[in-house]
Amino acid sequence: MRNCAILLTGPIYIFGVAYVIAPMLGWHPDTESLVAWFGALPVGARLAMKGVWGFAFCFHVVHGLRHLIWDTGMMLSNRQVMVSGWIGLGISALGTVGLIFW
């Protein structure tokens, strides 16, 4: 699980550092340049990137809400926790498909 967290958060930190040092290196990470770069990618690469980021976003939101419900004491049995986890995974997958084609 730890490797997955590093894999998902690593690009965010890399982009943050690149954004800070970009002016010193003559790079232009402004919105127009990034949109043009993303638009120039092949369709498969764009869909893959949207899928990875979209799933991470949906999973985090859905399971964060699940955790808040769990904290209220509404899910007390192990079966409820397991079922809600699978339902959350399904909702995350559906949300990802929606974000990819939005």
PDB file of N, CA and C in Angstrom:
ATOM      1  N   MET A   1       0.825  -1.181   0.000  1.00  0.00           N
ATOM      2  CA  MET A   1       0.000   0.000   0.000  1.00  0.00           C
ATOM      3  C   MET A   1       0.879   1.258   0.000  1.00  0.00           C
ATOM      4  N   ARG A   2       1.981   1.199   0.712  1.00  0.00           N
ATOM      5  CA  ARG A   2       2.857   2.362   0.775  1.00  0.00           C
ATOM      6  C   ARG A   2       3.439   2.699  -0.599  1.00  0.00           C
ATOM      7  N   ASN A   3       3.828   1.669  -1.359  1.00  0.00           N
ATOM      8  CA  ASN A   3       4.365   1.904  -2.696  1.00  0.00           C
ATOM      9  C   ASN A   3       3.322   2.542  -3.599  1.00  0.00           C
ATOM     10  N   CYS A   4       2.058   2.152  -3.427  1.00  0.00           N
ATOM     11  CA  CYS A   4       0.978   2.737  -4.223  1.00  0.00           C
ATOM     12  C   CYS A   4       0.836   4.223  -3.899  1.00  0.00           C
ATOM     13  N   ALA A   5       0.933   4.585  -2.627  1.00  0.00           N
ATOM     14  CA  ALA A   5       0.827   5.989  -2.231  1.00  0.00           C
ATOM     15  C   ALA A   5       1.977   6.801  -2.824  1.00  0.00           C
ATOM     16  N   ILE A   6       3.163   6.247  -2.818  1.00  0.00           N
ATOM     17  CA  ILE A   6       4.316   6.937  -3.402  1.00  0.00           C
ATOM     18  C   ILE A   6       4.125   7.086  -4.905  1.00  0.00           C
ATOM     19  N   LEU A   7       3.616   6.035  -5.538  1.00  0.00           N
ATOM     20  CA  LEU A   7       3.393   6.068  -6.979  1.00  0.00           C
ATOM     21  C   LEU A   7       2.377   7.137  -7.358  1.00  0.00           C
ATOM     22  N   LEU A   8       1.347   7.321  -6.541  1.00  0.00           N
ATOM     23  CA  LEU A   8       0.306   8.289  -6.863  1.00  0.00           C
ATOM     24  C   LEU A   8       0.672   9.721  -6.464  1.00  0.00           C
ATOM     25  N   THR A   9       1.415   9.897  -5.381  1.00  0.00           N
ATOM     26  CA  THR A   9       1.744  11.254  -4.945  1.00  0.00           C
ATOM     27  C   THR A   9       3.068  11.758  -5.524  1.00  0.00           C
ATOM     28  N   GLY A  10       3.926  10.859  -5.967  1.00  0.00           N
ATOM     29  CA  GLY A  10       5.220  11.261  -6.523  1.00  0.00           C
ATOM     30  C   GLY A  10       5.114  12.274  -7.650  1.00  0.00           C
ATOM     31  N   PRO A  11       4.253  12.043  -8.650  1.00  0.00           N
ATOM     32  CA  PRO A  11       4.136  13.018  -9.741  1.00  0.00           C
ATOM     33  C   PRO A  11       3.697  14.404  -9.277  1.00  0.00           C
ATOM     34  N   ILE A  12       2.903  14.466  -8.228  1.00  0.00           N
ATOM     35  CA  ILE A  12       2.471  15.770  -7.711  1.00  0.00           C
ATOM     36  C   ILE A  12       3.673  16.542  -7.172  1.00  0.00           C
ATOM     37  N   TYR A  13       4.520  15.876  -6.410  1.00  0.00           N
ATOM     38  CA  TYR A  13       5.705  16.541  -5.869  1.00  0.00           C
ATOM     39  C   TYR A  13       6.699  16.905  -6.973  1.00  0.00           C
ATOM     40  N   ILE A  14       6.851  16.017  -7.942  1.00  0.00           N
ATOM     41  CA  ILE A  14       7.758  16.305  -9.059  1.00  0.00           C
ATOM     42  C   ILE A  14       7.279  17.536  -9.817  1.00  0.00           C
ATOM     43  N   PHE A  15       5.966  17.607 -10.088  1.00  0.00           N
ATOM     44  CA  PHE A  15       5.427  18.766 -10.792  1.00  0.00           C
ATOM     45  C   PHE A  15       5.618  20.035  -9.957  1.00  0.00           C
ATOM     46  N   GLY A  16       5.410  19.943  -8.647  1.00  0.00           N
ATOM     47  CA  GLY A  16       5.580  21.113  -7.785  1.00  0.00           C
ATOM     48  C   GLY A  16       7.002  21.650  -7.821  1.00  0.00           C
ATOM     49  N   VAL A  17       7.969  20.763  -7.738  1.00  0.00           N
ATOM     50  CA  VAL A  17       9.377  21.177  -7.795  1.00  0.00           C
ATOM     51  C   VAL A  17       9.694  21.748  -9.179  1.00  0.00           C
ATOM     52  N   ALA A  18       9.217  21.091 -10.229  1.00  0.00           N
ATOM     53  CA  ALA A  18       9.468  21.584 -11.587  1.00  0.00           C
ATOM     54  C   ALA A  18       8.845  22.962 -11.789  1.00  0.00           C
ATOM     55  N   TYR A  19       7.671  23.179 -11.213  1.00  0.00           N
ATOM     56  CA  TYR A  19       7.001  24.464 -11.347  1.00  0.00           C
ATOM     57  C   TYR A  19       7.797  25.578 -10.667  1.00  0.00           C
ATOM     58  N   VAL A  20       8.416  25.251  -9.529  1.00  0.00           N
ATOM     59  CA  VAL A  20       9.190  26.252  -8.786  1.00  0.00           C
ATOM     60  C   VAL A  20      10.490  26.590  -9.512  1.00  0.00           C
ATOM     61  N   ILE A  21      11.172  25.588 -10.060  1.00  0.00           N
ATOM     62  CA  ILE A  21      12.469  25.847 -10.693  1.00  0.00           C
ATOM     63  C   ILE A  21      12.347  26.184 -12.183  1.00  0.00           C
ATOM     64  N   ALA A  22      11.153  26.086 -12.754  1.00  0.00           N
ATOM     65  CA  ALA A  22      10.963  26.313 -14.188  1.00  0.00           C
ATOM     66  C   ALA A  22      11.465  27.672 -14.670  1.00  0.00           C
ATOM     67  N   PRO A  23      11.161  28.764 -13.983  1.00  0.00           N
ATOM     68  CA  PRO A  23      11.645  30.053 -14.489  1.00  0.00           C
ATOM     69  C   PRO A  23      13.172  30.139 -14.578  1.00  0.00           C
ATOM     70  N   MET A  24      13.860  29.455 -13.673  1.00  0.00           N
ATOM     71  CA  MET A  24      15.321  29.475 -13.700  1.00  0.00           C
ATOM     72  C   MET A  24      15.878  28.700 -14.889  1.00  0.00           C
ATOM     73  N   LEU A  25      15.104  27.720 -15.383  1.00  0.00           N
ATOM     74  CA  LEU A  25      15.561  26.884 -16.490  1.00  0.00           C
ATOM     75  C   LEU A  25      14.977  27.305 -17.835  1.00  0.00           C
ATOM     76  N   GLY A  26      14.133  28.337 -17.829  1.00  0.00           N
ATOM     77  CA  GLY A  26      13.543  28.817 -19.071  1.00  0.00           C
ATOM     78  C   GLY A  26      12.321  28.022 -19.520  1.00  0.00           C
ATOM     79  N   TRP A  27      11.762  27.188 -18.640  1.00  0.00           N
ATOM     80  CA  TRP A  27      10.555  26.435 -18.979  1.00  0.00           C
ATOM     81  C   TRP A  27       9.341  27.328 -18.788  1.00  0.00           C
ATOM     82  N   HIS A  28       8.240  26.948 -19.402  1.00  0.00           N
ATOM     83  CA  HIS A  28       7.006  27.720 -19.290  1.00  0.00           C
ATOM     84  C   HIS A  28       5.847  26.814 -18.886  1.00  0.00           C
ATOM     85  N   PRO A  29       5.690  26.516 -17.584  1.00  0.00           N
ATOM     86  CA  PRO A  29       4.609  25.622 -17.154  1.00  0.00           C
ATOM     87  C   PRO A  29       3.291  26.370 -16.890  1.00  0.00           C
ATOM     88  N   ASP A  30       2.975  27.354 -17.720  1.00  0.00           N
ATOM     89  CA  ASP A  30       1.718  28.071 -17.534  1.00  0.00           C
ATOM     90  C   ASP A  30       0.575  27.226 -18.094  1.00  0.00           C
ATOM     91  N   THR A  31      -0.639  27.636 -17.834  1.00  0.00           N
ATOM     92  CA  THR A  31      -1.811  26.852 -18.217  1.00  0.00           C
ATOM     93  C   THR A  31      -1.881  26.626 -19.725  1.00  0.00           C
ATOM     94  N   GLU A  32      -1.643  27.645 -20.496  1.00  0.00           N
ATOM     95  CA  GLU A  32      -1.706  27.504 -21.961  1.00  0.00           C
ATOM     96  C   GLU A  32      -0.729  26.463 -22.475  1.00  0.00           C
ATOM     97  N   SER A  33       0.486  26.491 -21.972  1.00  0.00           N
ATOM     98  CA  SER A  33       1.506  25.532 -22.415  1.00  0.00           C
ATOM     99  C   SER A  33       1.131  24.112 -22.017  1.00  0.00           C
ATOM    100  N   LEU A  34       0.630  23.940 -20.783  1.00  0.00           N
ATOM    101  CA  LEU A  34       0.262  22.606 -20.321  1.00  0.00           C
ATOM    102  C   LEU A  34      -0.932  22.056 -21.094  1.00  0.00           C
ATOM    103  N   VAL A  35      -1.911  22.905 -21.381  1.00  0.00           N
ATOM    104  CA  VAL A  35      -3.075  22.461 -22.158  1.00  0.00           C
ATOM    105  C   VAL A  35      -2.641  22.077 -23.570  1.00  0.00           C
ATOM    106  N   ALA A  36      -1.766  22.872 -24.171  1.00  0.00           N
ATOM    107  CA  ALA A  36      -1.266  22.557 -25.517  1.00  0.00           C
ATOM    108  C   ALA A  36      -0.483  21.249 -25.508  1.00  0.00           C
ATOM    109  N   TRP A  37       0.341  21.038 -24.477  1.00  0.00           N
ATOM    110  CA  TRP A  37       1.116  19.797 -24.362  1.00  0.00           C
ATOM    111  C   TRP A  37       0.190  18.595 -24.233  1.00  0.00           C
ATOM    112  N   PHE A  38      -0.816  18.707 -23.340  1.00  0.00           N
ATOM    113  CA  PHE A  38      -1.735  17.598 -23.120  1.00  0.00           C
ATOM    114  C   PHE A  38      -2.547  17.316 -24.387  1.00  0.00           C
ATOM    115  N   GLY A  39      -2.958  18.363 -25.088  1.00  0.00           N
ATOM    116  CA  GLY A  39      -3.722  18.199 -26.316  1.00  0.00           C
ATOM    117  C   GLY A  39      -2.925  17.562 -27.435  1.00  0.00           C
ATOM    118  N   ALA A  40      -1.605  17.705 -27.380  1.00  0.00           N
ATOM    119  CA  ALA A  40      -0.749  17.136 -28.422  1.00  0.00           C
ATOM    120  C   ALA A  40      -0.452  15.653 -28.195  1.00  0.00           C
ATOM    121  N   LEU A  41      -0.783  15.129 -27.036  1.00  0.00           N
ATOM    122  CA  LEU A  41      -0.541  13.717 -26.747  1.00  0.00           C
ATOM    123  C   LEU A  41      -1.475  12.842 -27.574  1.00  0.00           C
ATOM    124  N   PRO A  42      -1.061  11.612 -27.857  1.00  0.00           N
ATOM    125  CA  PRO A  42      -1.967  10.682 -28.530  1.00  0.00           C
ATOM    126  C   PRO A  42      -3.208  10.404 -27.664  1.00  0.00           C
ATOM    127  N   VAL A  43      -4.293  10.038 -28.301  1.00  0.00           N
ATOM    128  CA  VAL A  43      -5.555   9.829 -27.589  1.00  0.00           C
ATOM    129  C   VAL A  43      -5.399   8.776 -26.493  1.00  0.00           C
ATOM    130  N   GLY A  44      -4.694   7.701 -26.773  1.00  0.00           N
ATOM    131  CA  GLY A  44      -4.497   6.647 -25.777  1.00  0.00           C
ATOM    132  C   GLY A  44      -3.775   7.146 -24.535  1.00  0.00           C
ATOM    133  N   ALA A  45      -2.764   7.973 -24.734  1.00  0.00           N
ATOM    134  CA  ALA A  45      -2.017   8.513 -23.597  1.00  0.00           C
ATOM    135  C   ALA A  45      -2.895   9.452 -22.770  1.00  0.00           C
ATOM    136  N   ARG A  46      -3.702  10.257 -23.448  1.00  0.00           N
ATOM    137  CA  ARG A  46      -4.607  11.163 -22.728  1.00  0.00           C
ATOM    138  C   ARG A  46      -5.624  10.383 -21.913  1.00  0.00           C
ATOM    139  N   LEU A  47      -6.204   9.346 -22.518  1.00  0.00           N
ATOM    140  CA  LEU A  47      -7.186   8.535 -21.793  1.00  0.00           C
ATOM    141  C   LEU A  47      -6.544   7.826 -20.605  1.00  0.00           C
ATOM    142  N   ALA A  48      -5.325   7.330 -20.789  1.00  0.00           N
ATOM    143  CA  ALA A  48      -4.634   6.640 -19.693  1.00  0.00           C
ATOM    144  C   ALA A  48      -4.344   7.605 -18.543  1.00  0.00           C
ATOM    145  N   MET A  49      -3.870   8.802 -18.869  1.00  0.00           N
ATOM    146  CA  MET A  49      -3.573   9.781 -17.818  1.00  0.00           C
ATOM    147  C   MET A  49      -4.844  10.206 -17.087  1.00  0.00           C
ATOM    148  N   LYS A  50      -5.902  10.442 -17.854  1.00  0.00           N
ATOM    149  CA  LYS A  50      -7.164  10.828 -17.223  1.00  0.00           C
ATOM    150  C   LYS A  50      -7.693   9.689 -16.350  1.00  0.00           C
ATOM    151  N   GLY A  51      -7.480   8.454 -16.786  1.00  0.00           N
ATOM    152  CA  GLY A  51      -7.924   7.305 -16.005  1.00  0.00           C
ATOM    153  C   GLY A  51      -7.181   7.166 -14.690  1.00  0.00           C
ATOM    154  N   VAL A  52      -5.873   7.309 -14.736  1.00  0.00           N
ATOM    155  CA  VAL A  52      -5.066   7.173 -13.510  1.00  0.00           C
ATOM    156  C   VAL A  52      -5.424   8.275 -12.513  1.00  0.00           C
ATOM    157  N   TRP A  53      -5.428   9.509 -12.974  1.00  0.00           N
ATOM    158  CA  TRP A  53      -5.736  10.620 -12.063  1.00  0.00           C
ATOM    159  C   TRP A  53      -7.199  10.599 -11.641  1.00  0.00           C
ATOM    160  N   GLY A  54      -8.085  10.235 -12.573  1.00  0.00           N
ATOM    161  CA  GLY A  54      -9.509  10.191 -12.251  1.00  0.00           C
ATOM    162  C   GLY A  54      -9.829   9.122 -11.225  1.00  0.00           C
ATOM    163  N   PHE A  55      -9.201   7.938 -11.365  1.00  0.00           N
ATOM    164  CA  PHE A  55      -9.467   6.875 -10.393  1.00  0.00           C
ATOM    165  C   PHE A  55      -8.941   7.261  -9.015  1.00  0.00           C
ATOM    166  N   ALA A  56      -7.757   7.840  -8.970  1.00  0.00           N
ATOM    167  CA  ALA A  56      -7.210   8.257  -7.674  1.00  0.00           C
ATOM    168  C   ALA A  56      -8.138   9.277  -7.006  1.00  0.00           C
ATOM    169  N   PHE A  57      -8.648  10.218  -7.786  1.00  0.00           N
ATOM    170  CA  PHE A  57      -9.551  11.235  -7.256  1.00  0.00           C
ATOM    171  C   PHE A  57     -10.857  10.607  -6.764  1.00  0.00           C
ATOM    172  N   CYS A  58     -11.495   9.799  -7.609  1.00  0.00           N
ATOM    173  CA  CYS A  58     -12.776   9.186  -7.237  1.00  0.00           C
ATOM    174  C   CYS A  58     -12.630   8.262  -6.037  1.00  0.00           C
ATOM    175  N   PHE A  59     -11.597   7.443  -6.039  1.00  0.00           N
ATOM    176  CA  PHE A  59     -11.371   6.513  -4.929  1.00  0.00           C
ATOM    177  C   PHE A  59     -11.201   7.270  -3.615  1.00  0.00           C
ATOM    178  N   HIS A  60     -10.429   8.340  -3.664  1.00  0.00           N
ATOM    179  CA  HIS A  60     -10.160   9.119  -2.460  1.00  0.00           C
ATOM    180  C   HIS A  60     -11.442   9.774  -1.928  1.00  0.00           C
ATOM    181  N   VAL A  61     -12.233  10.343  -2.813  1.00  0.00           N
ATOM    182  CA  VAL A  61     -13.473  10.998  -2.390  1.00  0.00           C
ATOM    183  C   VAL A  61     -14.465   9.979  -1.840  1.00  0.00           C
ATOM    184  N   VAL A  62     -14.699   8.901  -2.579  1.00  0.00           N
ATOM    185  CA  VAL A  62     -15.689   7.904  -2.162  1.00  0.00           C
ATOM    186  C   VAL A  62     -15.290   7.251  -0.845  1.00  0.00           C
ATOM    187  N   HIS A  63     -14.044   6.861  -0.718  1.00  0.00           N
ATOM    188  CA  HIS A  63     -13.641   6.182   0.510  1.00  0.00           C
ATOM    189  C   HIS A  63     -13.446   7.155   1.669  1.00  0.00           C
ATOM    190  N   GLY A  64     -13.215   8.417   1.375  1.00  0.00           N
ATOM    191  CA  GLY A  64     -13.222   9.421   2.443  1.00  0.00           C
ATOM    192  C   GLY A  64     -14.615   9.579   3.023  1.00  0.00           C
ATOM    193  N   LEU A  65     -15.619   9.615   2.143  1.00  0.00           N
ATOM    194  CA  LEU A  65     -17.009   9.676   2.615  1.00  0.00           C
ATOM    195  C   LEU A  65     -17.381   8.407   3.377  1.00  0.00           C
ATOM    196  N   ARG A  66     -16.927   7.279   2.881  1.00  0.00           N
ATOM    197  CA  ARG A  66     -17.169   6.003   3.573  1.00  0.00           C
ATOM    198  C   ARG A  66     -16.569   6.042   4.983  1.00  0.00           C
ATOM    199  N   HIS A  67     -15.385   6.579   5.085  1.00  0.00           N
ATOM    200  CA  HIS A  67     -14.736   6.661   6.394  1.00  0.00           C
ATOM    201  C   HIS A  67     -15.513   7.590   7.327  1.00  0.00           C
ATOM    202  N   LEU A  68     -16.021   8.696   6.806  1.00  0.00           N
ATOM    203  CA  LEU A  68     -16.825   9.591   7.645  1.00  0.00           C
ATOM    204  C   LEU A  68     -18.083   8.891   8.144  1.00  0.00           C
ATOM    205  N   ILE A  69     -18.722   8.106   7.268  1.00  0.00           N
ATOM    206  CA  ILE A  69     -19.905   7.348   7.693  1.00  0.00           C
ATOM    207  C   ILE A  69     -19.512   6.311   8.738  1.00  0.00           C
ATOM    208  N   TRP A  70     -18.394   5.672   8.531  1.00  0.00           N
ATOM    209  CA  TRP A  70     -17.898   4.678   9.475  1.00  0.00           C
ATOM    210  C   TRP A  70     -17.658   5.327  10.847  1.00  0.00           C
ATOM    211  N   ASP A  71     -17.122   6.541  10.852  1.00  0.00           N
ATOM    212  CA  ASP A  71     -16.838   7.238  12.108  1.00  0.00           C
ATOM    213  C   ASP A  71     -18.098   7.591  12.890  1.00  0.00           C
ATOM    214  N   THR A  72     -19.241   7.697  12.199  1.00  0.00           N
ATOM    215  CA  THR A  72     -20.484   8.002  12.914  1.00  0.00           C
ATOM    216  C   THR A  72     -21.050   6.780  13.618  1.00  0.00           C
ATOM    217  N   GLY A  73     -20.492   5.609  13.360  1.00  0.00           N
ATOM    218  CA  GLY A  73     -20.958   4.388  13.998  1.00  0.00           C
ATOM    219  C   GLY A  73     -22.026   3.665  13.204  1.00  0.00           C
ATOM    220  N   MET A  74     -22.280   4.092  11.974  1.00  0.00           N
ATOM    221  CA  MET A  74     -23.323   3.454  11.167  1.00  0.00           C
ATOM    222  C   MET A  74     -22.891   2.094  10.622  1.00  0.00           C
ATOM    223  N   MET A  75     -21.592   1.870  10.471  1.00  0.00           N
ATOM    224  CA  MET A  75     -21.091   0.571  10.007  1.00  0.00           C
ATOM    225  C   MET A  75     -20.334  -0.064  11.170  1.00  0.00           C
ATOM    226  N   LEU A  76     -20.946  -1.051  11.757  1.00  0.00           N
ATOM    227  CA  LEU A  76     -20.335  -1.645  12.929  1.00  0.00           C
ATOM    228  C   LEU A  76     -19.842  -3.068  12.696  1.00  0.00           C
ATOM    229  N   SER A  77     -20.431  -3.778  11.762  1.00  0.00           N
ATOM    230  CA  SER A  77     -20.007  -5.157  11.547  1.00  0.00           C
ATOM    231  C   SER A  77     -18.939  -5.228  10.459  1.00  0.00           C
ATOM    232  N   ASN A  78     -18.166  -6.299  10.515  1.00  0.00           N
ATOM    233  CA  ASN A  78     -17.131  -6.493   9.494  1.00  0.00           C
ATOM    234  C   ASN A  78     -17.754  -6.661   8.115  1.00  0.00           C
ATOM    235  N   ARG A  79     -18.912  -7.320   8.056  1.00  0.00           N
ATOM    236  CA  ARG A  79     -19.585  -7.519   6.765  1.00  0.00           C
ATOM    237  C   ARG A  79     -19.979  -6.183   6.153  1.00  0.00           C
ATOM    238  N   GLN A  80     -20.511  -5.263   6.941  1.00  0.00           N
ATOM    239  CA  GLN A  80     -20.886  -3.948   6.423  1.00  0.00           C
ATOM    240  C   GLN A  80     -19.673  -3.198   5.888  1.00  0.00           C
ATOM    241  N   VAL A  81     -18.573  -3.315   6.594  1.00  0.00           N
ATOM    242  CA  VAL A  81     -17.340  -2.634   6.156  1.00  0.00           C
ATOM    243  C   VAL A  81     -16.844  -3.233   4.849  1.00  0.00           C
ATOM    244  N   MET A  82     -16.867  -4.571   4.736  1.00  0.00           N
ATOM    245  CA  MET A  82     -16.404  -5.217   3.497  1.00  0.00           C
ATOM    246  C   MET A  82     -17.313  -4.890   2.321  1.00  0.00           C
ATOM    247  N   VAL A  83     -18.613  -4.976   2.527  1.00  0.00           N
ATOM    248  CA  VAL A  83     -19.551  -4.695   1.443  1.00  0.00           C
ATOM    249  C   VAL A  83     -19.425  -3.239   0.995  1.00  0.00           C
ATOM    250  N   SER A  84     -19.323  -2.325   1.952  1.00  0.00           N
ATOM    251  CA  SER A  84     -19.200  -0.911   1.586  1.00  0.00           C
ATOM    252  C   SER A  84     -17.887  -0.639   0.849  1.00  0.00           C
ATOM    253  N   GLY A  85     -16.845  -1.399   1.159  1.00  0.00           N
ATOM    254  CA  GLY A  85     -15.578  -1.250   0.445  1.00  0.00           C
ATOM    255  C   GLY A  85     -15.701  -1.643  -1.014  1.00  0.00           C
ATOM    256  N   TRP A  86     -16.377  -2.761  -1.274  1.00  0.00           N
ATOM    257  CA  TRP A  86     -16.578  -3.203  -2.655  1.00  0.00           C
ATOM    258  C   TRP A  86     -17.505  -2.254  -3.407  1.00  0.00           C
ATOM    259  N   ILE A  87     -18.542  -1.780  -2.727  1.00  0.00           N
ATOM    260  CA  ILE A  87     -19.439  -0.816  -3.365  1.00  0.00           C
ATOM    261  C   ILE A  87     -18.672   0.467  -3.691  1.00  0.00           C
ATOM    262  N   GLY A  88     -17.827   0.906  -2.762  1.00  0.00           N
ATOM    263  CA  GLY A  88     -17.015   2.100  -3.000  1.00  0.00           C
ATOM    264  C   GLY A  88     -16.065   1.926  -4.166  1.00  0.00           C
ATOM    265  N   LEU A  89     -15.517   0.730  -4.307  1.00  0.00           N
ATOM    266  CA  LEU A  89     -14.622   0.458  -5.428  1.00  0.00           C
ATOM    267  C   LEU A  89     -15.387   0.528  -6.745  1.00  0.00           C
ATOM    268  N   GLY A  90     -16.601  -0.024  -6.760  1.00  0.00           N
ATOM    269  CA  GLY A  90     -17.425   0.043  -7.966  1.00  0.00           C
ATOM    270  C   GLY A  90     -17.816   1.464  -8.321  1.00  0.00           C
ATOM    271  N   ILE A  91     -18.200   2.248  -7.318  1.00  0.00           N
ATOM    272  CA  ILE A  91     -18.555   3.646  -7.561  1.00  0.00           C
ATOM    273  C   ILE A  91     -17.338   4.418  -8.077  1.00  0.00           C
ATOM    274  N   SER A  92     -16.166   4.115  -7.532  1.00  0.00           N
ATOM    275  CA  SER A  92     -14.940   4.774  -7.994  1.00  0.00           C
ATOM    276  C   SER A  92     -14.664   4.444  -9.460  1.00  0.00           C
ATOM    277  N   ALA A  93     -14.870   3.183  -9.836  1.00  0.00           N
ATOM    278  CA  ALA A  93     -14.643   2.783 -11.229  1.00  0.00           C
ATOM    279  C   ALA A  93     -15.636   3.489 -12.157  1.00  0.00           C
ATOM    280  N   LEU A  94     -16.907   3.548 -11.765  1.00  0.00           N
ATOM    281  CA  LEU A  94     -17.906   4.239 -12.585  1.00  0.00           C
ATOM    282  C   LEU A  94     -17.604   5.734 -12.692  1.00  0.00           C
ATOM    283  N   GLY A  95     -17.194   6.331 -11.572  1.00  0.00           N
ATOM    284  CA  GLY A  95     -16.829   7.744 -11.595  1.00  0.00           C
ATOM    285  C   GLY A  95     -15.638   8.018 -12.496  1.00  0.00           C
ATOM    286  N   THR A  96     -14.695   7.093 -12.507  1.00  0.00           N
ATOM    287  CA  THR A  96     -13.521   7.237 -13.357  1.00  0.00           C
ATOM    288  C   THR A  96     -13.914   7.214 -14.830  1.00  0.00           C
ATOM    289  N   VAL A  97     -14.786   6.284 -15.192  1.00  0.00           N
ATOM    290  CA  VAL A  97     -15.250   6.210 -16.588  1.00  0.00           C
ATOM    291  C   VAL A  97     -15.949   7.520 -16.957  1.00  0.00           C
ATOM    292  N   GLY A  98     -16.763   8.058 -16.034  1.00  0.00           N
ATOM    293  CA  GLY A  98     -17.432   9.317 -16.292  1.00  0.00           C
ATOM    294  C   GLY A  98     -16.457  10.463 -16.487  1.00  0.00           C
ATOM    295  N   LEU A  99     -15.406  10.503 -15.673  1.00  0.00           N
ATOM    296  CA  LEU A  99     -14.420  11.578 -15.805  1.00  0.00           C
ATOM    297  C   LEU A  99     -13.578  11.442 -17.078  1.00  0.00           C
ATOM    298  N   ILE A 100     -13.298  10.218 -17.481  1.00  0.00           N
ATOM    299  CA  ILE A 100     -12.487  10.009 -18.692  1.00  0.00           C
ATOM    300  C   ILE A 100     -13.199  10.579 -19.909  1.00  0.00           C
ATOM    301  N   PHE A 101     -14.496  10.356 -19.998  1.00  0.00           N
ATOM    302  CA  PHE A 101     -15.222  10.752 -21.206  1.00  0.00           C
ATOM    303  C   PHE A 101     -15.956  12.072 -21.064  1.00  0.00           C
ATOM    304  N   TRP A 102     -15.676  12.800 -20.001  1.00  0.00           N
ATOM    305  CA  TRP A 102     -16.314  14.095 -19.792  1.00  0.00           C
ATOM    306  C   TRP A 102     -15.664  15.145 -20.636  1.00  0.00           C
TER     307      TRP A 102
END
